[in-house]
């Protein structure tokens, strides 16, 4: 799956929302950001059921899966999502990150982050943490190599 360090390597990422999030502007933004970093991006859109995301991961074999939420229900939706994906044979180790507005109170909840990491996400990013996201991607060698 992971192809980092290979000459001509272009990482593949899947961008998705959660099942209850109908917003798309965040997905387009994340797609453009990843493309700027040299990624091939498969944007599967808004209101994505867990099964659809699992099928897309199995079909495309991405180097990274980015789940973005802005409706404030990201934490609850992400719990079910990560449990489902980690139970699918072949997706136990796929790199998965989640970010955006994870709660409705508008403040970062450290408990949300800890729990999502414990459930299997590789990283959790609150709103406005694009620098941390870029660092995460770069630190894992998920950038284009010419």
N, C-alpha and C. Protein backbone atom coordinates (compact mmCIF):
# COMPACT_ATOMS: atom_id res chain seq x y z
N UNK A 1 0.82 -1.18 0.00
CA UNK A 1 0.00 0.00 0.00
C UNK A 1 0.87 1.25 0.00
N UNK A 2 1.68 1.48 1.03
CA UNK A 2 2.49 2.68 1.13
C UNK A 2 3.64 2.60 0.15
N UNK A 3 3.81 3.66 -0.66
CA UNK A 3 4.81 3.66 -1.71
C UNK A 3 5.82 4.79 -1.54
N UNK A 4 5.94 5.38 -0.35
CA UNK A 4 6.83 6.51 -0.12
C UNK A 4 8.27 6.19 -0.43
N UNK A 5 9.00 7.21 -0.90
CA UNK A 5 10.41 7.08 -1.18
C UNK A 5 10.73 6.55 -2.57
N UNK A 6 9.74 6.20 -3.36
CA UNK A 6 9.94 5.68 -4.69
C UNK A 6 10.01 6.85 -5.66
N UNK A 7 11.01 6.86 -6.55
CA UNK A 7 11.14 7.92 -7.53
C UNK A 7 9.88 7.98 -8.37
N UNK A 8 9.38 9.19 -8.57
CA UNK A 8 8.15 9.39 -9.32
C UNK A 8 6.90 9.10 -8.51
N UNK A 9 7.08 8.83 -7.23
CA UNK A 9 5.97 8.51 -6.33
C UNK A 9 5.01 9.67 -6.23
N UNK A 10 3.75 9.37 -6.40
CA UNK A 10 2.69 10.35 -6.19
C UNK A 10 1.70 9.71 -5.24
N UNK A 11 1.68 10.17 -3.98
CA UNK A 11 0.77 9.54 -3.01
C UNK A 11 -0.68 9.66 -3.44
N UNK A 12 -1.46 8.68 -3.04
CA UNK A 12 -2.90 8.70 -3.31
C UNK A 12 -3.63 8.88 -1.99
N UNK A 13 -4.55 9.83 -1.97
CA UNK A 13 -5.35 10.07 -0.78
C UNK A 13 -6.83 10.02 -1.12
N UNK A 14 -7.61 9.58 -0.15
CA UNK A 14 -9.06 9.65 -0.24
C UNK A 14 -9.50 10.74 0.73
N UNK A 15 -10.40 11.60 0.25
CA UNK A 15 -10.99 12.65 1.08
C UNK A 15 -12.48 12.33 1.20
N UNK A 16 -12.99 12.41 2.43
CA UNK A 16 -14.37 12.04 2.69
C UNK A 16 -14.93 12.86 3.85
N UNK A 17 -16.22 12.97 3.90
CA UNK A 17 -16.87 13.51 5.10
C UNK A 17 -17.41 12.33 5.90
N UNK A 18 -18.13 12.64 6.94
CA UNK A 18 -18.78 11.61 7.75
C UNK A 18 -20.21 11.42 7.26
N UNK A 19 -20.85 10.43 7.79
CA UNK A 19 -22.19 10.05 7.33
C UNK A 19 -23.23 11.17 7.51
N UNK A 20 -23.09 12.01 8.54
CA UNK A 20 -24.10 13.05 8.78
C UNK A 20 -23.71 14.42 8.26
N UNK A 21 -22.54 14.55 7.66
CA UNK A 21 -22.05 15.87 7.26
C UNK A 21 -22.24 16.09 5.76
N UNK A 22 -23.10 17.06 5.42
CA UNK A 22 -23.42 17.33 4.02
C UNK A 22 -22.57 18.43 3.41
N UNK A 23 -21.62 18.97 4.15
CA UNK A 23 -20.78 20.05 3.64
C UNK A 23 -19.77 19.53 2.62
N UNK A 24 -19.53 20.32 1.59
CA UNK A 24 -18.57 19.92 0.56
C UNK A 24 -17.40 20.88 0.41
N UNK A 25 -17.56 22.14 0.82
CA UNK A 25 -16.47 23.11 0.62
C UNK A 25 -15.21 22.67 1.33
N UNK A 26 -15.33 22.05 2.51
CA UNK A 26 -14.17 21.58 3.25
C UNK A 26 -13.46 20.44 2.50
N UNK A 27 -14.23 19.61 1.84
CA UNK A 27 -13.66 18.50 1.08
C UNK A 27 -12.89 19.01 -0.14
N UNK A 28 -13.45 20.01 -0.80
CA UNK A 28 -12.76 20.61 -1.94
C UNK A 28 -11.47 21.28 -1.47
N UNK A 29 -11.54 21.98 -0.35
CA UNK A 29 -10.34 22.62 0.19
C UNK A 29 -9.27 21.59 0.49
N UNK A 30 -9.64 20.49 1.16
CA UNK A 30 -8.66 19.45 1.49
C UNK A 30 -8.12 18.79 0.22
N UNK A 31 -8.96 18.59 -0.76
CA UNK A 31 -8.50 18.03 -2.03
C UNK A 31 -7.46 18.94 -2.66
N UNK A 32 -7.74 20.24 -2.73
CA UNK A 32 -6.80 21.18 -3.34
C UNK A 32 -5.50 21.24 -2.54
N UNK A 33 -5.59 21.22 -1.22
CA UNK A 33 -4.39 21.24 -0.38
C UNK A 33 -3.52 20.01 -0.65
N UNK A 34 -4.13 18.84 -0.68
CA UNK A 34 -3.38 17.61 -0.93
C UNK A 34 -2.81 17.58 -2.35
N UNK A 35 -3.58 18.06 -3.32
CA UNK A 35 -3.06 18.12 -4.69
C UNK A 35 -1.87 19.06 -4.77
N UNK A 36 -1.93 20.16 -4.04
CA UNK A 36 -0.80 21.09 -3.97
C UNK A 36 0.45 20.41 -3.40
N UNK A 37 0.23 19.43 -2.51
CA UNK A 37 1.33 18.68 -1.91
C UNK A 37 1.76 17.50 -2.79
N UNK A 38 1.16 17.37 -3.98
CA UNK A 38 1.56 16.34 -4.92
C UNK A 38 0.75 15.07 -4.91
N UNK A 39 -0.37 15.08 -4.20
CA UNK A 39 -1.19 13.86 -4.10
C UNK A 39 -2.17 13.72 -5.26
N UNK A 40 -2.43 12.49 -5.60
CA UNK A 40 -3.58 12.15 -6.41
C UNK A 40 -4.71 12.00 -5.40
N UNK A 41 -5.85 12.65 -5.63
CA UNK A 41 -6.93 12.66 -4.64
C UNK A 41 -8.21 12.09 -5.22
N UNK A 42 -8.81 11.20 -4.45
CA UNK A 42 -10.14 10.68 -4.75
C UNK A 42 -11.06 11.29 -3.70
N UNK A 43 -11.92 12.19 -4.15
CA UNK A 43 -12.85 12.88 -3.25
C UNK A 43 -14.19 12.16 -3.38
N UNK A 44 -14.59 11.43 -2.32
CA UNK A 44 -15.83 10.66 -2.44
C UNK A 44 -17.05 11.40 -1.91
N UNK A 45 -16.85 12.66 -1.46
CA UNK A 45 -17.98 13.52 -1.19
C UNK A 45 -18.54 13.52 0.21
N UNK A 46 -19.75 14.05 0.31
CA UNK A 46 -20.41 14.29 1.59
C UNK A 46 -21.37 13.16 1.94
N UNK A 47 -21.71 13.09 3.23
CA UNK A 47 -22.67 12.11 3.75
C UNK A 47 -22.29 10.68 3.35
N UNK A 48 -21.04 10.35 3.58
CA UNK A 48 -20.51 9.06 3.13
C UNK A 48 -20.78 7.97 4.18
N UNK A 49 -21.54 6.94 3.80
CA UNK A 49 -21.73 5.81 4.72
C UNK A 49 -20.41 5.07 4.94
N UNK A 50 -20.28 4.47 6.10
CA UNK A 50 -19.04 3.77 6.45
C UNK A 50 -18.69 2.69 5.43
N UNK A 51 -19.69 1.98 4.93
CA UNK A 51 -19.45 0.92 3.96
C UNK A 51 -18.88 1.46 2.66
N UNK A 52 -19.37 2.63 2.23
CA UNK A 52 -18.88 3.24 1.00
C UNK A 52 -17.41 3.65 1.15
N UNK A 53 -17.06 4.21 2.28
CA UNK A 53 -15.66 4.59 2.51
C UNK A 53 -14.78 3.34 2.55
N UNK A 54 -15.23 2.30 3.20
CA UNK A 54 -14.46 1.05 3.24
C UNK A 54 -14.26 0.50 1.82
N UNK A 55 -15.31 0.49 1.02
CA UNK A 55 -15.20 0.00 -0.36
C UNK A 55 -14.22 0.85 -1.17
N UNK A 56 -14.27 2.17 -1.00
CA UNK A 56 -13.36 3.06 -1.72
C UNK A 56 -11.91 2.80 -1.31
N UNK A 57 -11.69 2.56 -0.03
CA UNK A 57 -10.33 2.26 0.45
C UNK A 57 -9.82 0.96 -0.13
N UNK A 58 -10.67 -0.05 -0.19
CA UNK A 58 -10.26 -1.34 -0.75
C UNK A 58 -10.00 -1.23 -2.25
N UNK A 59 -10.79 -0.43 -2.94
CA UNK A 59 -10.63 -0.26 -4.38
C UNK A 59 -9.38 0.56 -4.73
N UNK A 60 -9.17 1.68 -4.05
CA UNK A 60 -8.11 2.62 -4.43
C UNK A 60 -6.80 2.41 -3.69
N UNK A 61 -6.82 1.69 -2.57
CA UNK A 61 -5.61 1.44 -1.77
C UNK A 61 -4.81 2.72 -1.52
N UNK A 62 -5.43 3.70 -0.87
CA UNK A 62 -4.75 4.99 -0.67
C UNK A 62 -3.61 4.91 0.34
N UNK A 63 -2.73 5.89 0.25
CA UNK A 63 -1.65 6.05 1.22
C UNK A 63 -2.14 6.82 2.44
N UNK A 64 -3.27 7.52 2.30
CA UNK A 64 -3.83 8.32 3.38
C UNK A 64 -5.33 8.49 3.15
N UNK A 65 -6.10 8.43 4.24
CA UNK A 65 -7.52 8.73 4.20
C UNK A 65 -7.76 9.91 5.12
N UNK A 66 -8.39 10.96 4.56
CA UNK A 66 -8.66 12.19 5.30
C UNK A 66 -10.17 12.33 5.45
N UNK A 67 -10.63 12.34 6.69
CA UNK A 67 -12.05 12.51 6.99
C UNK A 67 -12.22 13.90 7.58
N UNK A 68 -13.08 14.71 6.95
CA UNK A 68 -13.27 16.09 7.37
C UNK A 68 -14.73 16.32 7.75
N UNK A 69 -14.93 17.05 8.84
CA UNK A 69 -16.28 17.31 9.32
C UNK A 69 -16.40 18.78 9.76
N UNK A 70 -17.49 19.40 9.39
CA UNK A 70 -17.71 20.79 9.83
C UNK A 70 -19.07 20.98 10.50
N UNK A 71 -19.86 19.94 10.61
CA UNK A 71 -21.20 20.11 11.16
C UNK A 71 -21.26 19.99 12.69
N UNK A 72 -20.12 19.70 13.32
CA UNK A 72 -20.09 19.60 14.77
C UNK A 72 -20.38 18.22 15.32
N UNK A 73 -20.64 17.27 14.45
CA UNK A 73 -20.92 15.90 14.88
C UNK A 73 -19.79 14.95 14.49
N UNK A 74 -18.64 15.51 14.18
CA UNK A 74 -17.50 14.73 13.71
C UNK A 74 -17.05 13.68 14.70
N UNK A 75 -17.03 14.01 15.98
CA UNK A 75 -16.57 13.04 16.97
C UNK A 75 -17.44 11.79 16.98
N UNK A 76 -18.74 11.98 17.11
CA UNK A 76 -19.66 10.83 17.17
C UNK A 76 -19.62 10.01 15.89
N UNK A 77 -19.64 10.69 14.76
CA UNK A 77 -19.60 9.98 13.48
C UNK A 77 -18.26 9.26 13.29
N UNK A 78 -17.18 9.90 13.71
CA UNK A 78 -15.83 9.33 13.52
C UNK A 78 -15.64 8.07 14.36
N UNK A 79 -16.26 8.00 15.52
CA UNK A 79 -16.14 6.79 16.35
C UNK A 79 -16.67 5.56 15.61
N UNK A 80 -17.86 5.68 15.07
CA UNK A 80 -18.43 4.57 14.32
C UNK A 80 -17.63 4.27 13.07
N UNK A 81 -17.17 5.30 12.42
CA UNK A 81 -16.39 5.13 11.19
C UNK A 81 -15.10 4.37 11.44
N UNK A 82 -14.33 4.77 12.44
CA UNK A 82 -13.04 4.12 12.68
C UNK A 82 -13.24 2.68 13.14
N UNK A 83 -14.25 2.44 13.94
CA UNK A 83 -14.52 1.07 14.38
C UNK A 83 -14.86 0.19 13.19
N UNK A 84 -15.66 0.72 12.29
CA UNK A 84 -16.04 -0.04 11.11
C UNK A 84 -14.83 -0.31 10.21
N UNK A 85 -14.06 0.73 9.90
CA UNK A 85 -12.94 0.57 8.98
C UNK A 85 -11.86 -0.35 9.55
N UNK A 86 -11.56 -0.22 10.82
CA UNK A 86 -10.51 -1.06 11.42
C UNK A 86 -10.93 -2.53 11.50
N UNK A 87 -12.22 -2.81 11.39
CA UNK A 87 -12.71 -4.19 11.43
C UNK A 87 -12.72 -4.85 10.05
N UNK A 88 -12.49 -4.06 9.00
CA UNK A 88 -12.50 -4.60 7.63
C UNK A 88 -11.12 -5.18 7.31
N UNK A 89 -11.06 -6.46 6.92
CA UNK A 89 -9.77 -7.05 6.55
C UNK A 89 -9.10 -6.24 5.44
N UNK A 90 -7.84 -5.89 5.68
CA UNK A 90 -7.08 -5.09 4.74
C UNK A 90 -7.03 -3.62 5.08
N UNK A 91 -7.88 -3.18 6.01
CA UNK A 91 -7.90 -1.76 6.39
C UNK A 91 -7.44 -1.53 7.83
N UNK A 92 -6.93 -2.57 8.45
CA UNK A 92 -6.53 -2.46 9.85
C UNK A 92 -5.41 -1.43 10.07
N UNK A 93 -4.57 -1.23 9.06
CA UNK A 93 -3.41 -0.35 9.22
C UNK A 93 -3.39 0.84 8.26
N UNK A 94 -4.42 1.00 7.48
CA UNK A 94 -4.45 2.10 6.52
C UNK A 94 -4.38 3.43 7.29
N UNK A 95 -3.53 4.36 6.87
CA UNK A 95 -3.41 5.64 7.58
C UNK A 95 -4.71 6.47 7.48
N UNK A 96 -5.30 6.76 8.63
CA UNK A 96 -6.56 7.50 8.71
C UNK A 96 -6.42 8.69 9.63
N UNK A 97 -6.85 9.86 9.14
CA UNK A 97 -6.88 11.05 9.99
C UNK A 97 -8.27 11.66 9.92
N UNK A 98 -8.61 12.38 10.96
CA UNK A 98 -9.90 13.07 11.02
C UNK A 98 -9.65 14.49 11.51
N UNK A 99 -10.47 15.40 11.03
CA UNK A 99 -10.32 16.77 11.49
C UNK A 99 -11.51 17.63 11.17
N UNK A 100 -11.46 18.82 11.72
CA UNK A 100 -12.53 19.79 11.52
C UNK A 100 -13.23 20.11 12.82
N UNK A 101 -14.51 20.37 12.71
CA UNK A 101 -15.32 20.68 13.88
C UNK A 101 -15.86 19.36 14.43
N UNK A 102 -15.25 18.89 15.48
CA UNK A 102 -15.59 17.57 16.01
C UNK A 102 -16.69 17.61 17.06
N UNK A 103 -16.98 18.79 17.60
CA UNK A 103 -18.03 18.94 18.61
C UNK A 103 -18.84 20.19 18.35
N UNK A 104 -19.94 20.33 19.05
CA UNK A 104 -20.83 21.47 18.82
C UNK A 104 -20.55 22.65 19.73
N UNK A 105 -19.68 22.48 20.73
CA UNK A 105 -19.46 23.57 21.67
C UNK A 105 -18.43 24.59 21.20
N UNK A 106 -17.72 24.30 20.10
CA UNK A 106 -16.80 25.27 19.54
C UNK A 106 -15.43 25.33 20.19
N UNK A 107 -15.15 24.46 21.14
CA UNK A 107 -13.82 24.43 21.75
C UNK A 107 -13.20 23.07 21.50
N UNK A 108 -11.88 23.04 21.50
CA UNK A 108 -11.17 21.77 21.30
C UNK A 108 -11.35 20.92 22.55
N UNK A 109 -11.72 19.70 22.34
CA UNK A 109 -11.92 18.76 23.45
C UNK A 109 -10.81 17.73 23.40
N UNK A 110 -9.89 17.78 24.36
CA UNK A 110 -8.77 16.86 24.41
C UNK A 110 -9.28 15.42 24.57
N UNK A 111 -10.38 15.26 25.25
CA UNK A 111 -10.97 13.93 25.41
C UNK A 111 -11.38 13.33 24.07
N UNK A 112 -11.93 14.16 23.17
CA UNK A 112 -12.28 13.69 21.83
C UNK A 112 -11.03 13.16 21.13
N UNK A 113 -9.98 13.96 21.16
CA UNK A 113 -8.74 13.59 20.48
C UNK A 113 -8.20 12.28 21.03
N UNK A 114 -8.09 12.19 22.32
CA UNK A 114 -7.56 10.98 22.95
C UNK A 114 -8.38 9.75 22.58
N UNK A 115 -9.67 9.88 22.64
CA UNK A 115 -10.54 8.72 22.36
C UNK A 115 -10.45 8.29 20.90
N UNK A 116 -10.42 9.26 19.99
CA UNK A 116 -10.32 8.92 18.57
C UNK A 116 -8.98 8.28 18.24
N UNK A 117 -7.92 8.75 18.87
CA UNK A 117 -6.61 8.13 18.68
C UNK A 117 -6.60 6.71 19.24
N UNK A 118 -7.19 6.53 20.41
CA UNK A 118 -7.26 5.19 21.03
C UNK A 118 -8.08 4.22 20.18
N UNK A 119 -9.07 4.73 19.48
CA UNK A 119 -9.92 3.87 18.64
C UNK A 119 -9.23 3.48 17.33
N UNK A 120 -8.17 4.23 16.94
CA UNK A 120 -7.45 3.82 15.73
C UNK A 120 -7.09 4.88 14.72
N UNK A 121 -7.52 6.12 14.94
CA UNK A 121 -7.08 7.17 14.02
C UNK A 121 -5.60 7.42 14.25
N UNK A 122 -4.89 7.75 13.18
CA UNK A 122 -3.46 8.04 13.27
C UNK A 122 -3.20 9.47 13.72
N UNK A 123 -4.14 10.36 13.48
CA UNK A 123 -4.03 11.75 13.92
C UNK A 123 -5.42 12.37 13.95
N UNK A 124 -5.57 13.37 14.81
CA UNK A 124 -6.82 14.11 14.93
C UNK A 124 -6.46 15.59 14.90
N UNK A 125 -7.12 16.34 14.03
CA UNK A 125 -6.84 17.76 13.88
C UNK A 125 -8.11 18.57 14.14
N UNK A 126 -8.00 19.52 15.05
CA UNK A 126 -9.12 20.42 15.31
C UNK A 126 -9.19 21.45 14.19
N UNK A 127 -10.24 22.25 14.21
CA UNK A 127 -10.36 23.32 13.22
C UNK A 127 -9.09 24.17 13.22
N UNK A 128 -8.73 24.63 12.06
CA UNK A 128 -7.62 25.59 11.90
C UNK A 128 -6.25 25.00 12.23
N UNK A 129 -6.09 23.70 12.15
CA UNK A 129 -4.78 23.07 12.40
C UNK A 129 -4.14 22.58 11.11
N UNK A 130 -4.17 23.41 10.08
CA UNK A 130 -3.61 23.00 8.79
C UNK A 130 -2.10 22.82 8.85
N UNK A 131 -1.43 23.62 9.66
CA UNK A 131 0.01 23.46 9.81
C UNK A 131 0.37 22.09 10.35
N UNK A 132 -0.36 21.66 11.37
CA UNK A 132 -0.15 20.33 11.94
C UNK A 132 -0.46 19.23 10.94
N UNK A 133 -1.49 19.43 10.14
CA UNK A 133 -1.84 18.45 9.12
C UNK A 133 -0.72 18.35 8.07
N UNK A 134 -0.24 19.49 7.59
CA UNK A 134 0.87 19.48 6.61
C UNK A 134 2.09 18.78 7.19
N UNK A 135 2.40 19.06 8.45
CA UNK A 135 3.55 18.42 9.10
C UNK A 135 3.34 16.91 9.18
N UNK A 136 2.16 16.48 9.54
CA UNK A 136 1.84 15.06 9.62
C UNK A 136 2.09 14.38 8.27
N UNK A 137 1.57 14.97 7.21
CA UNK A 137 1.70 14.40 5.87
C UNK A 137 3.18 14.34 5.48
N UNK A 138 3.89 15.43 5.68
CA UNK A 138 5.31 15.49 5.30
C UNK A 138 6.17 14.53 6.12
N UNK A 139 5.90 14.44 7.42
CA UNK A 139 6.70 13.60 8.30
C UNK A 139 6.57 12.12 7.94
N UNK A 140 5.50 11.74 7.30
CA UNK A 140 5.30 10.35 6.92
C UNK A 140 5.73 10.06 5.49
N UNK A 141 6.40 11.02 4.87
CA UNK A 141 6.88 10.82 3.51
C UNK A 141 5.79 10.80 2.48
N UNK A 142 4.64 11.39 2.81
CA UNK A 142 3.50 11.38 1.89
C UNK A 142 3.49 12.65 1.05
N UNK A 143 4.59 12.88 0.36
CA UNK A 143 4.66 13.99 -0.56
C UNK A 143 5.29 13.48 -1.85
N UNK A 144 4.99 14.14 -2.94
CA UNK A 144 5.49 13.69 -4.23
C UNK A 144 7.01 13.74 -4.27
N UNK A 145 7.59 12.74 -4.90
CA UNK A 145 9.04 12.66 -5.08
C UNK A 145 9.31 12.64 -6.57
N UNK A 146 10.18 13.54 -7.03
CA UNK A 146 10.46 13.56 -8.48
C UNK A 146 11.80 12.93 -8.77
